Amino acid sequence: MIRKHVRDMKQRVEAGHGMRWWDPTFVELFKHHDKIEMQIEDIEGGAMVRETSSDADVTLLIRQHAIRGVSEFVADGHARARQETPLPDGYGSRAEESSMP
């Protein structure tokens, strides 16, 4: 089931078909889906997913999803899945800096 889930999510990200519209981190991840590279490798008992981006803000989002989303869900179960994943500290600061005169 994990292997199918990660492949289904990869297709969703690549197509930009968002979900969890009430979750700020998910909204931003899908907004920038075209800046995310995903590689999946089957491993014993599941799958290993490697997500990367050349965009520093998108990298922050990827890490936030992994740590605050996936890892907390694994630890806390469905109660965590019903909670928002806050935007990571520093998100958007690079865009603000580059737009300053």
PDB file of N, CA and C in Angstrom:
ATOM      1  N   MET A   1       0.817  -1.197   0.000  1.00  0.00           N
ATOM      2  CA  MET A   1       0.000   0.000   0.000  1.00  0.00           C
ATOM      3  C   MET A   1       0.863   1.264   0.000  1.00  0.00           C
ATOM      4  N   ILE A   2       1.981   1.234   0.722  1.00  0.00           N
ATOM      5  CA  ILE A   2       2.868   2.401   0.755  1.00  0.00           C
ATOM      6  C   ILE A   2       3.443   2.659  -0.626  1.00  0.00           C
ATOM      7  N   ARG A   3       3.881   1.608  -1.296  1.00  0.00           N
ATOM      8  CA  ARG A   3       4.445   1.773  -2.639  1.00  0.00           C
ATOM      9  C   ARG A   3       3.427   2.380  -3.597  1.00  0.00           C
ATOM     10  N   LYS A   4       2.191   1.904  -3.536  1.00  0.00           N
ATOM     11  CA  LYS A   4       1.149   2.462  -4.398  1.00  0.00           C
ATOM     12  C   LYS A   4       0.880   3.918  -4.028  1.00  0.00           C
ATOM     13  N   HIS A   5       0.812   4.198  -2.744  1.00  0.00           N
ATOM     14  CA  HIS A   5       0.540   5.564  -2.290  1.00  0.00           C
ATOM     15  C   HIS A   5       1.604   6.545  -2.800  1.00  0.00           C
ATOM     16  N   VAL A   6       2.872   6.219  -2.648  1.00  0.00           N
ATOM     17  CA  VAL A   6       3.903   7.173  -3.067  1.00  0.00           C
ATOM     18  C   VAL A   6       3.891   7.375  -4.581  1.00  0.00           C
ATOM     19  N   ARG A   7       3.587   6.338  -5.329  1.00  0.00           N
ATOM     20  CA  ARG A   7       3.500   6.492  -6.787  1.00  0.00           C
ATOM     21  C   ARG A   7       2.275   7.320  -7.186  1.00  0.00           C
ATOM     22  N   ASP A   8       1.167   7.090  -6.508  1.00  0.00           N
ATOM     23  CA  ASP A   8      -0.027   7.901  -6.765  1.00  0.00           C
ATOM     24  C   ASP A   8       0.238   9.366  -6.436  1.00  0.00           C
ATOM     25  N   MET A   9       0.929   9.627  -5.331  1.00  0.00           N
ATOM     26  CA  MET A   9       1.228  11.003  -4.949  1.00  0.00           C
ATOM     27  C   MET A   9       2.206  11.652  -5.935  1.00  0.00           C
ATOM     28  N   LYS A  10       3.154  10.890  -6.431  1.00  0.00           N
ATOM     29  CA  LYS A  10       4.082  11.412  -7.436  1.00  0.00           C
ATOM     30  C   LYS A  10       3.303  11.872  -8.672  1.00  0.00           C
ATOM     31  N   GLN A  11       2.358  11.061  -9.123  1.00  0.00           N
ATOM     32  CA  GLN A  11       1.542  11.446 -10.279  1.00  0.00           C
ATOM     33  C   GLN A  11       0.730  12.700  -9.987  1.00  0.00           C
ATOM     34  N   ARG A  12       0.182  12.777  -8.785  1.00  0.00           N
ATOM     35  CA  ARG A  12      -0.602  13.959  -8.395  1.00  0.00           C
ATOM     36  C   ARG A  12       0.260  15.216  -8.404  1.00  0.00           C
ATOM     37  N   VAL A  13       1.450  15.115  -7.833  1.00  0.00           N
ATOM     38  CA  VAL A  13       2.350  16.274  -7.792  1.00  0.00           C
ATOM     39  C   VAL A  13       2.736  16.681  -9.205  1.00  0.00           C
ATOM     40  N   GLU A  14       3.147  15.724 -10.015  1.00  0.00           N
ATOM     41  CA  GLU A  14       3.558  16.038 -11.384  1.00  0.00           C
ATOM     42  C   GLU A  14       2.439  16.716 -12.173  1.00  0.00           C
ATOM     43  N   ALA A  15       1.203  16.301 -11.933  1.00  0.00           N
ATOM     44  CA  ALA A  15       0.058  16.878 -12.652  1.00  0.00           C
ATOM     45  C   ALA A  15      -0.456  18.161 -11.996  1.00  0.00           C
ATOM     46  N   GLY A  16       0.004  18.442 -10.782  1.00  0.00           N
ATOM     47  CA  GLY A  16      -0.467  19.623 -10.071  1.00  0.00           C
ATOM     48  C   GLY A  16      -1.879  19.476  -9.528  1.00  0.00           C
ATOM     49  N   HIS A  17      -2.324  18.245  -9.310  1.00  0.00           N
ATOM     50  CA  HIS A  17      -3.662  17.979  -8.772  1.00  0.00           C
ATOM     51  C   HIS A  17      -3.613  18.021  -7.251  1.00  0.00           C
ATOM     52  N   GLY A  18      -3.795  19.202  -6.705  1.00  0.00           N
ATOM     53  CA  GLY A  18      -3.677  19.425  -5.275  1.00  0.00           C
ATOM     54  C   GLY A  18      -4.711  18.693  -4.446  1.00  0.00           C
ATOM     55  N   MET A  19      -4.505  18.780  -3.158  1.00  0.00           N
ATOM     56  CA  MET A  19      -5.400  18.184  -2.169  1.00  0.00           C
ATOM     57  C   MET A  19      -5.157  18.894  -0.846  1.00  0.00           C
ATOM     58  N   ARG A  20      -5.949  18.576   0.142  1.00  0.00           N
ATOM     59  CA  ARG A  20      -5.825  19.204   1.467  1.00  0.00           C
ATOM     60  C   ARG A  20      -5.785  20.734   1.318  1.00  0.00           C
ATOM     61  N   TRP A  21      -6.779  21.282   0.665  1.00  0.00           N
ATOM     62  CA  TRP A  21      -6.824  22.716   0.351  1.00  0.00           C
ATOM     63  C   TRP A  21      -6.782  23.586   1.590  1.00  0.00           C
ATOM     64  N   TRP A  22      -7.039  23.025   2.739  1.00  0.00           N
ATOM     65  CA  TRP A  22      -7.040  23.749   4.004  1.00  0.00           C
ATOM     66  C   TRP A  22      -5.683  23.712   4.693  1.00  0.00           C
ATOM     67  N   ASP A  23      -4.718  23.014   4.109  1.00  0.00           N
ATOM     68  CA  ASP A  23      -3.396  22.847   4.716  1.00  0.00           C
ATOM     69  C   ASP A  23      -2.388  23.735   3.994  1.00  0.00           C
ATOM     70  N   PRO A  24      -1.827  24.746   4.680  1.00  0.00           N
ATOM     71  CA  PRO A  24      -0.956  25.721   4.013  1.00  0.00           C
ATOM     72  C   PRO A  24       0.253  25.113   3.304  1.00  0.00           C
ATOM     73  N   THR A  25       0.881  24.111   3.902  1.00  0.00           N
ATOM     74  CA  THR A  25       2.059  23.522   3.265  1.00  0.00           C
ATOM     75  C   THR A  25       1.669  22.768   1.999  1.00  0.00           C
ATOM     76  N   PHE A  26       0.572  22.026   2.034  1.00  0.00           N
ATOM     77  CA  PHE A  26       0.120  21.319   0.834  1.00  0.00           C
ATOM     78  C   PHE A  26      -0.253  22.302  -0.274  1.00  0.00           C
ATOM     79  N   VAL A  27      -0.945  23.368   0.081  1.00  0.00           N
ATOM     80  CA  VAL A  27      -1.339  24.371  -0.921  1.00  0.00           C
ATOM     81  C   VAL A  27      -0.098  24.902  -1.632  1.00  0.00           C
ATOM     82  N   GLU A  28       0.917  25.258  -0.869  1.00  0.00           N
ATOM     83  CA  GLU A  28       2.137  25.805  -1.473  1.00  0.00           C
ATOM     84  C   GLU A  28       2.911  24.754  -2.264  1.00  0.00           C
ATOM     85  N   LEU A  29       2.972  23.531  -1.761  1.00  0.00           N
ATOM     86  CA  LEU A  29       3.662  22.468  -2.510  1.00  0.00           C
ATOM     87  C   LEU A  29       3.040  22.278  -3.887  1.00  0.00           C
ATOM     88  N   PHE A  30       1.713  22.202  -3.930  1.00  0.00           N
ATOM     89  CA  PHE A  30       1.066  21.982  -5.221  1.00  0.00           C
ATOM     90  C   PHE A  30       1.128  23.230  -6.095  1.00  0.00           C
ATOM     91  N   LYS A  31       1.185  24.403  -5.496  1.00  0.00           N
ATOM     92  CA  LYS A  31       1.338  25.636  -6.280  1.00  0.00           C
ATOM     93  C   LYS A  31       2.676  25.618  -7.025  1.00  0.00           C
ATOM     94  N   HIS A  32       3.676  24.992  -6.437  1.00  0.00           N
ATOM     95  CA  HIS A  32       5.029  24.960  -7.019  1.00  0.00           C
ATOM     96  C   HIS A  32       5.411  23.547  -7.483  1.00  0.00           C
ATOM     97  N   HIS A  33       4.414  22.764  -7.842  1.00  0.00           N
ATOM     98  CA  HIS A  33       4.645  21.361  -8.226  1.00  0.00           C
ATOM     99  C   HIS A  33       5.664  21.211  -9.348  1.00  0.00           C
ATOM    100  N   ASP A  34       5.737  22.192 -10.225  1.00  0.00           N
ATOM    101  CA  ASP A  34       6.648  22.089 -11.364  1.00  0.00           C
ATOM    102  C   ASP A  34       8.111  22.284 -10.966  1.00  0.00           C
ATOM    103  N   LYS A  35       8.361  22.614  -9.718  1.00  0.00           N
ATOM    104  CA  LYS A  35       9.732  22.813  -9.226  1.00  0.00           C
ATOM    105  C   LYS A  35      10.193  21.637  -8.363  1.00  0.00           C
ATOM    106  N   ILE A  36       9.421  20.557  -8.344  1.00  0.00           N
ATOM    107  CA  ILE A  36       9.727  19.401  -7.502  1.00  0.00           C
ATOM    108  C   ILE A  36      10.109  18.211  -8.370  1.00  0.00           C
ATOM    109  N   GLU A  37      11.219  17.594  -8.023  1.00  0.00           N
ATOM    110  CA  GLU A  37      11.657  16.342  -8.659  1.00  0.00           C
ATOM    111  C   GLU A  37      11.469  15.227  -7.641  1.00  0.00           C
ATOM    112  N   MET A  38      10.847  14.131  -8.066  1.00  0.00           N
ATOM    113  CA  MET A  38      10.632  12.998  -7.165  1.00  0.00           C
ATOM    114  C   MET A  38      11.204  11.732  -7.778  1.00  0.00           C
ATOM    115  N   GLN A  39      11.917  10.994  -6.944  1.00  0.00           N
ATOM    116  CA  GLN A  39      12.430   9.683  -7.331  1.00  0.00           C
ATOM    117  C   GLN A  39      11.957   8.687  -6.286  1.00  0.00           C
ATOM    118  N   ILE A  40      11.515   7.522  -6.748  1.00  0.00           N
ATOM    119  CA  ILE A  40      11.007   6.490  -5.853  1.00  0.00           C
ATOM    120  C   ILE A  40      11.823   5.222  -6.056  1.00  0.00           C
ATOM    121  N   GLU A  41      12.211   4.627  -4.949  1.00  0.00           N
ATOM    122  CA  GLU A  41      12.936   3.358  -4.986  1.00  0.00           C
ATOM    123  C   GLU A  41      12.237   2.397  -4.027  1.00  0.00           C
ATOM    124  N   ASP A  42      11.886   1.218  -4.524  1.00  0.00           N
ATOM    125  CA  ASP A  42      11.319   0.198  -3.643  1.00  0.00           C
ATOM    126  C   ASP A  42      12.431  -0.330  -2.747  1.00  0.00           C
ATOM    127  N   ILE A  43      12.114  -0.427  -1.461  1.00  0.00           N
ATOM    128  CA  ILE A  43      13.042  -1.001  -0.495  1.00  0.00           C
ATOM    129  C   ILE A  43      12.290  -2.063   0.291  1.00  0.00           C
ATOM    130  N   GLU A  44      13.017  -2.837   1.041  1.00  0.00           N
ATOM    131  CA  GLU A  44      12.377  -3.878   1.834  1.00  0.00           C
ATOM    132  C   GLU A  44      11.326  -3.254   2.758  1.00  0.00           C
ATOM    133  N   GLY A  45      10.114  -3.719   2.638  1.00  0.00           N
ATOM    134  CA  GLY A  45       9.044  -3.248   3.500  1.00  0.00           C
ATOM    135  C   GLY A  45       8.390  -1.950   3.080  1.00  0.00           C
ATOM    136  N   GLY A  46       8.770  -1.384   1.936  1.00  0.00           N
ATOM    137  CA  GLY A  46       8.122  -0.131   1.531  1.00  0.00           C
ATOM    138  C   GLY A  46       8.805   0.551   0.367  1.00  0.00           C
ATOM    139  N   ALA A  47       8.962   1.853   0.494  1.00  0.00           N
ATOM    140  CA  ALA A  47       9.539   2.659  -0.581  1.00  0.00           C
ATOM    141  C   ALA A  47      10.324   3.819   0.026  1.00  0.00           C
ATOM    142  N   MET A  48      11.348   4.237  -0.681  1.00  0.00           N
ATOM    143  CA  MET A  48      12.113   5.416  -0.296  1.00  0.00           C
ATOM    144  C   MET A  48      11.838   6.481  -1.353  1.00  0.00           C
ATOM    145  N   VAL A  49      11.444   7.651  -0.897  1.00  0.00           N
ATOM    146  CA  VAL A  49      11.130   8.752  -1.794  1.00  0.00           C
ATOM    147  C   VAL A  49      12.173   9.842  -1.595  1.00  0.00           C
ATOM    148  N   ARG A  50      12.718  10.308  -2.709  1.00  0.00           N
ATOM    149  CA  ARG A  50      13.670  11.418  -2.668  1.00  0.00           C
ATOM    150  C   ARG A  50      13.037  12.565  -3.431  1.00  0.00           C
ATOM    151  N   GLU A  51      12.764  13.652  -2.718  1.00  0.00           N
ATOM    152  CA  GLU A  51      12.194  14.851  -3.331  1.00  0.00           C
ATOM    153  C   GLU A  51      13.243  15.951  -3.268  1.00  0.00           C
ATOM    154  N   THR A  52      13.444  16.627  -4.389  1.00  0.00           N
ATOM    155  CA  THR A  52      14.416  17.713  -4.439  1.00  0.00           C
ATOM    156  C   THR A  52      13.845  18.878  -5.234  1.00  0.00           C
ATOM    157  N   SER A  53      14.480  20.019  -5.053  1.00  0.00           N
ATOM    158  CA  SER A  53      14.126  21.203  -5.824  1.00  0.00           C
ATOM    159  C   SER A  53      15.330  22.124  -5.859  1.00  0.00           C
ATOM    160  N   SER A  54      15.483  22.845  -6.948  1.00  0.00           N
ATOM    161  CA  SER A  54      16.547  23.848  -7.026  1.00  0.00           C
ATOM    162  C   SER A  54      16.084  25.176  -6.425  1.00  0.00           C
ATOM    163  N   ASP A  55      14.807  25.267  -6.067  1.00  0.00           N
ATOM    164  CA  ASP A  55      14.237  26.458  -5.446  1.00  0.00           C
ATOM    165  C   ASP A  55      14.323  26.315  -3.925  1.00  0.00           C
ATOM    166  N   ALA A  56      15.001  27.245  -3.270  1.00  0.00           N
ATOM    167  CA  ALA A  56      15.226  27.147  -1.823  1.00  0.00           C
ATOM    168  C   ALA A  56      13.924  27.130  -1.026  1.00  0.00           C
ATOM    169  N   ASP A  57      12.942  27.924  -1.431  1.00  0.00           N
ATOM    170  CA  ASP A  57      11.663  27.923  -0.719  1.00  0.00           C
ATOM    171  C   ASP A  57      10.925  26.604  -0.883  1.00  0.00           C
ATOM    172  N   VAL A  58      10.974  26.033  -2.061  1.00  0.00           N
ATOM    173  CA  VAL A  58      10.317  24.745  -2.294  1.00  0.00           C
ATOM    174  C   VAL A  58      11.020  23.653  -1.491  1.00  0.00           C
ATOM    175  N   THR A  59      12.334  23.748  -1.362  1.00  0.00           N
ATOM    176  CA  THR A  59      13.073  22.796  -0.526  1.00  0.00           C
ATOM    177  C   THR A  59      12.592  22.869   0.918  1.00  0.00           C
ATOM    178  N   LEU A  60      12.346  24.084   1.419  1.00  0.00           N
ATOM    179  CA  LEU A  60      11.795  24.232   2.770  1.00  0.00           C
ATOM    180  C   LEU A  60      10.438  23.547   2.889  1.00  0.00           C
ATOM    181  N   LEU A  61       9.596  23.699   1.867  1.00  0.00           N
ATOM    182  CA  LEU A  61       8.279  23.055   1.879  1.00  0.00           C
ATOM    183  C   LEU A  61       8.402  21.528   1.878  1.00  0.00           C
ATOM    184  N   ILE A  62       9.304  21.005   1.061  1.00  0.00           N
ATOM    185  CA  ILE A  62       9.515  19.555   0.994  1.00  0.00           C
ATOM    186  C   ILE A  62       9.933  19.031   2.365  1.00  0.00           C
ATOM    187  N   ARG A  63      10.865  19.712   2.996  1.00  0.00           N
ATOM    188  CA  ARG A  63      11.326  19.285   4.324  1.00  0.00           C
ATOM    189  C   ARG A  63      10.214  19.385   5.365  1.00  0.00           C
ATOM    190  N   GLN A  64       9.436  20.448   5.297  1.00  0.00           N
ATOM    191  CA  GLN A  64       8.331  20.618   6.238  1.00  0.00           C
ATOM    192  C   GLN A  64       7.325  19.480   6.096  1.00  0.00           C
ATOM    193  N   HIS A  65       7.009  19.131   4.858  1.00  0.00           N
ATOM    194  CA  HIS A  65       6.077  18.027   4.622  1.00  0.00           C
ATOM    195  C   HIS A  65       6.635  16.724   5.181  1.00  0.00           C
ATOM    196  N   ALA A  66       7.919  16.477   4.969  1.00  0.00           N
ATOM    197  CA  ALA A  66       8.524  15.234   5.448  1.00  0.00           C
ATOM    198  C   ALA A  66       8.548  15.165   6.975  1.00  0.00           C
ATOM    199  N   ILE A  67       8.958  16.254   7.600  1.00  0.00           N
ATOM    200  CA  ILE A  67       9.129  16.242   9.056  1.00  0.00           C
ATOM    201  C   ILE A  67       7.811  16.453   9.788  1.00  0.00           C
ATOM    202  N   ARG A  68       7.119  17.533   9.461  1.00  0.00           N
ATOM    203  CA  ARG A  68       5.895  17.888  10.187  1.00  0.00           C
ATOM    204  C   ARG A  68       4.678  17.139   9.666  1.00  0.00           C
ATOM    205  N   GLY A  69       4.708  16.728   8.419  1.00  0.00           N
ATOM    206  CA  GLY A  69       3.576  16.003   7.856  1.00  0.00           C
ATOM    207  C   GLY A  69       3.734  14.506   8.011  1.00  0.00           C
ATOM    208  N   VAL A  70       4.612  13.928   7.241  1.00  0.00           N
ATOM    209  CA  VAL A  70       4.737  12.473   7.179  1.00  0.00           C
ATOM    210  C   VAL A  70       5.223  11.881   8.505  1.00  0.00           C
ATOM    211  N   SER A  71       6.316  12.377   9.045  1.00  0.00           N
ATOM    212  CA  SER A  71       6.865  11.787  10.268  1.00  0.00           C
ATOM    213  C   SER A  71       5.897  11.914  11.439  1.00  0.00           C
ATOM    214  N   GLU A  72       5.240  13.059  11.567  1.00  0.00           N
ATOM    215  CA  GLU A  72       4.276  13.222  12.659  1.00  0.00           C
ATOM    216  C   GLU A  72       3.048  12.330  12.443  1.00  0.00           C
ATOM    217  N   PHE A  73       2.635  12.156  11.201  1.00  0.00           N
ATOM    218  CA  PHE A  73       1.515  11.256  10.920  1.00  0.00           C
ATOM    219  C   PHE A  73       1.869   9.822  11.314  1.00  0.00           C
ATOM    220  N   VAL A  74       3.068   9.394  10.961  1.00  0.00           N
ATOM    221  CA  VAL A  74       3.499   8.040  11.318  1.00  0.00           C
ATOM    222  C   VAL A  74       3.508   7.875  12.839  1.00  0.00           C
ATOM    223  N   ALA A  75       3.971   8.893  13.554  1.00  0.00           N
ATOM    224  CA  ALA A  75       4.058   8.809  15.011  1.00  0.00           C
ATOM    225  C   ALA A  75       2.689   8.921  15.692  1.00  0.00           C
ATOM    226  N   ASP A  76       1.818   9.789  15.171  1.00  0.00           N
ATOM    227  CA  ASP A  76       0.577  10.115  15.885  1.00  0.00           C
ATOM    228  C   ASP A  76      -0.698   9.593  15.228  1.00  0.00           C
ATOM    229  N   GLY A  77      -0.611   9.071  14.015  1.00  0.00           N
ATOM    230  CA  GLY A  77      -1.767   8.488  13.357  1.00  0.00           C
ATOM    231  C   GLY A  77      -2.763   9.495  12.813  1.00  0.00           C
ATOM    232  N   HIS A  78      -3.993   9.061  12.686  1.00  0.00           N
ATOM    233  CA  HIS A  78      -5.022   9.854  12.011  1.00  0.00           C
ATOM    234  C   HIS A  78      -5.344  11.170  12.708  1.00  0.00           C
ATOM    235  N   ALA A  79      -5.143  11.253  14.009  1.00  0.00           N
ATOM    236  CA  ALA A  79      -5.389  12.530  14.696  1.00  0.00           C
ATOM    237  C   ALA A  79      -4.494  13.616  14.101  1.00  0.00           C
ATOM    238  N   ARG A  80      -3.267  13.271  13.763  1.00  0.00           N
ATOM    239  CA  ARG A  80      -2.347  14.242  13.162  1.00  0.00           C
ATOM    240  C   ARG A  80      -2.763  14.579  11.738  1.00  0.00           C
ATOM    241  N   ALA A  81      -3.307  13.615  11.031  1.00  0.00           N
ATOM    242  CA  ALA A  81      -3.686  13.838   9.633  1.00  0.00           C
ATOM    243  C   ALA A  81      -4.770  14.903   9.503  1.00  0.00           C
ATOM    244  N   ARG A  82      -5.529  15.120  10.548  1.00  0.00           N
ATOM    245  CA  ARG A  82      -6.599  16.123  10.506  1.00  0.00           C
ATOM    246  C   ARG A  82      -6.111  17.523  10.869  1.00  0.00           C
ATOM    247  N   GLN A  83      -4.829  17.663  11.153  1.00  0.00           N
ATOM    248  CA  GLN A  83      -4.270  18.962  11.525  1.00  0.00           C
ATOM    249  C   GLN A  83      -3.534  19.593  10.348  1.00  0.00           C
ATOM    250  N   GLU A  84      -3.480  20.912  10.359  1.00  0.00           N
ATOM    251  CA  GLU A  84      -2.712  21.641   9.346  1.00  0.00           C
ATOM    252  C   GLU A  84      -1.219  21.406   9.536  1.00  0.00           C
ATOM    253  N   THR A  85      -0.488  21.543   8.447  1.00  0.00           N
ATOM    254  CA  THR A  85       0.964  21.553   8.500  1.00  0.00           C
ATOM    255  C   THR A  85       1.382  23.003   8.277  1.00  0.00           C
ATOM    256  N   PRO A  86       1.886  23.680   9.304  1.00  0.00           N
ATOM    257  CA  PRO A  86       2.213  25.098   9.142  1.00  0.00           C
ATOM    258  C   PRO A  86       3.341  25.300   8.138  1.00  0.00           C
ATOM    259  N   LEU A  87       3.352  26.475   7.533  1.00  0.00           N
ATOM    260  CA  LEU A  87       4.458  26.801   6.630  1.00  0.00           C
ATOM    261  C   LEU A  87       5.761  26.819   7.423  1.00  0.00           C
ATOM    262  N   PRO A  88       6.857  26.432   6.797  1.00  0.00           N
ATOM    263  CA  PRO A  88       8.136  26.383   7.521  1.00  0.00           C
ATOM    264  C   PRO A  88       8.671  27.783   7.831  1.00  0.00           C
ATOM    265  N   ASP A  89       9.416  27.867   8.918  1.00  0.00           N
ATOM    266  CA  ASP A  89      10.092  29.122   9.250  1.00  0.00           C
ATOM    267  C   ASP A  89      10.968  29.552   8.081  1.00  0.00           C
ATOM    268  N   GLY A  90      10.903  30.826   7.754  1.00  0.00           N
ATOM    269  CA  GLY A  90      11.725  31.369   6.680  1.00  0.00           C
ATOM    270  C   GLY A  90      11.130  31.240   5.296  1.00  0.00           C
ATOM    271  N   TYR A  91       9.985  30.560   5.167  1.00  0.00           N
ATOM    272  CA  TYR A  91       9.387  30.381   3.844  1.00  0.00           C
ATOM    273  C   TYR A  91       8.965  31.732   3.270  1.00  0.00           C
ATOM    274  N   GLY A  92       9.338  31.966   2.027  1.00  0.00           N
ATOM    275  CA  GLY A  92       8.982  33.202   1.358  1.00  0.00           C
ATOM    276  C   GLY A  92       9.964  34.327   1.567  1.00  0.00           C
ATOM    277  N   SER A  93      10.892  34.175   2.490  1.00  0.00           N
ATOM    278  CA  SER A  93      11.825  35.275   2.793  1.00  0.00           C
ATOM    279  C   SER A  93      12.772  35.547   1.628  1.00  0.00           C
ATOM    280  N   ARG A  94      13.127  34.536   0.871  1.00  0.00           N
ATOM    281  CA  ARG A  94      14.025  34.751  -0.257  1.00  0.00           C
ATOM    282  C   ARG A  94      13.324  35.549  -1.356  1.00  0.00           C
ATOM    283  N   ALA A  95      12.043  35.259  -1.583  1.00  0.00           N
ATOM    284  CA  ALA A  95      11.288  36.014  -2.585  1.00  0.00           C
ATOM    285  C   ALA A  95      11.152  37.471  -2.161  1.00  0.00           C
ATOM    286  N   GLU A  96      10.912  37.678  -0.855  1.00  0.00           N
ATOM    287  CA  GLU A  96      10.800  39.052  -0.359  1.00  0.00           C
ATOM    288  C   GLU A  96      12.111  39.790  -0.501  1.00  0.00           C
ATOM    289  N   GLU A  97      13.234  39.116  -0.206  1.00  0.00           N
ATOM    290  CA  GLU A  97      14.547  39.736  -0.319  1.00  0.00           C
ATOM    291  C   GLU A  97      14.861  40.116  -1.751  1.00  0.00           C
ATOM    292  N   SER A  98      14.508  39.234  -2.713  1.00  0.00           N
ATOM    293  CA  SER A  98      14.843  39.510  -4.108  1.00  0.00           C
ATOM    294  C   SER A  98      13.983  40.603  -4.703  1.00  0.00           C
ATOM    295  N   SER A  99      12.830  40.895  -4.085  1.00  0.00           N
ATOM    296  CA  SER A  99      11.979  41.946  -4.627  1.00  0.00           C
ATOM    297  C   SER A  99      12.225  43.302  -3.982  1.00  0.00           C
ATOM    298  N   MET A 100      13.153  43.339  -3.022  1.00  0.00           N
ATOM    299  CA  MET A 100      13.453  44.616  -2.360  1.00  0.00           C
ATOM    300  C   MET A 100      14.316  45.477  -3.262  1.00  0.00           C
ATOM    301  N   PRO A 101      14.092  46.811  -3.245  1.00  0.00           N
ATOM    302  CA  PRO A 101      14.900  47.695  -4.109  1.00  0.00           C
ATOM    303  C   PRO A 101      16.335  47.807  -3.656  1.00  0.00           C
TER     304      PRO A 101
END
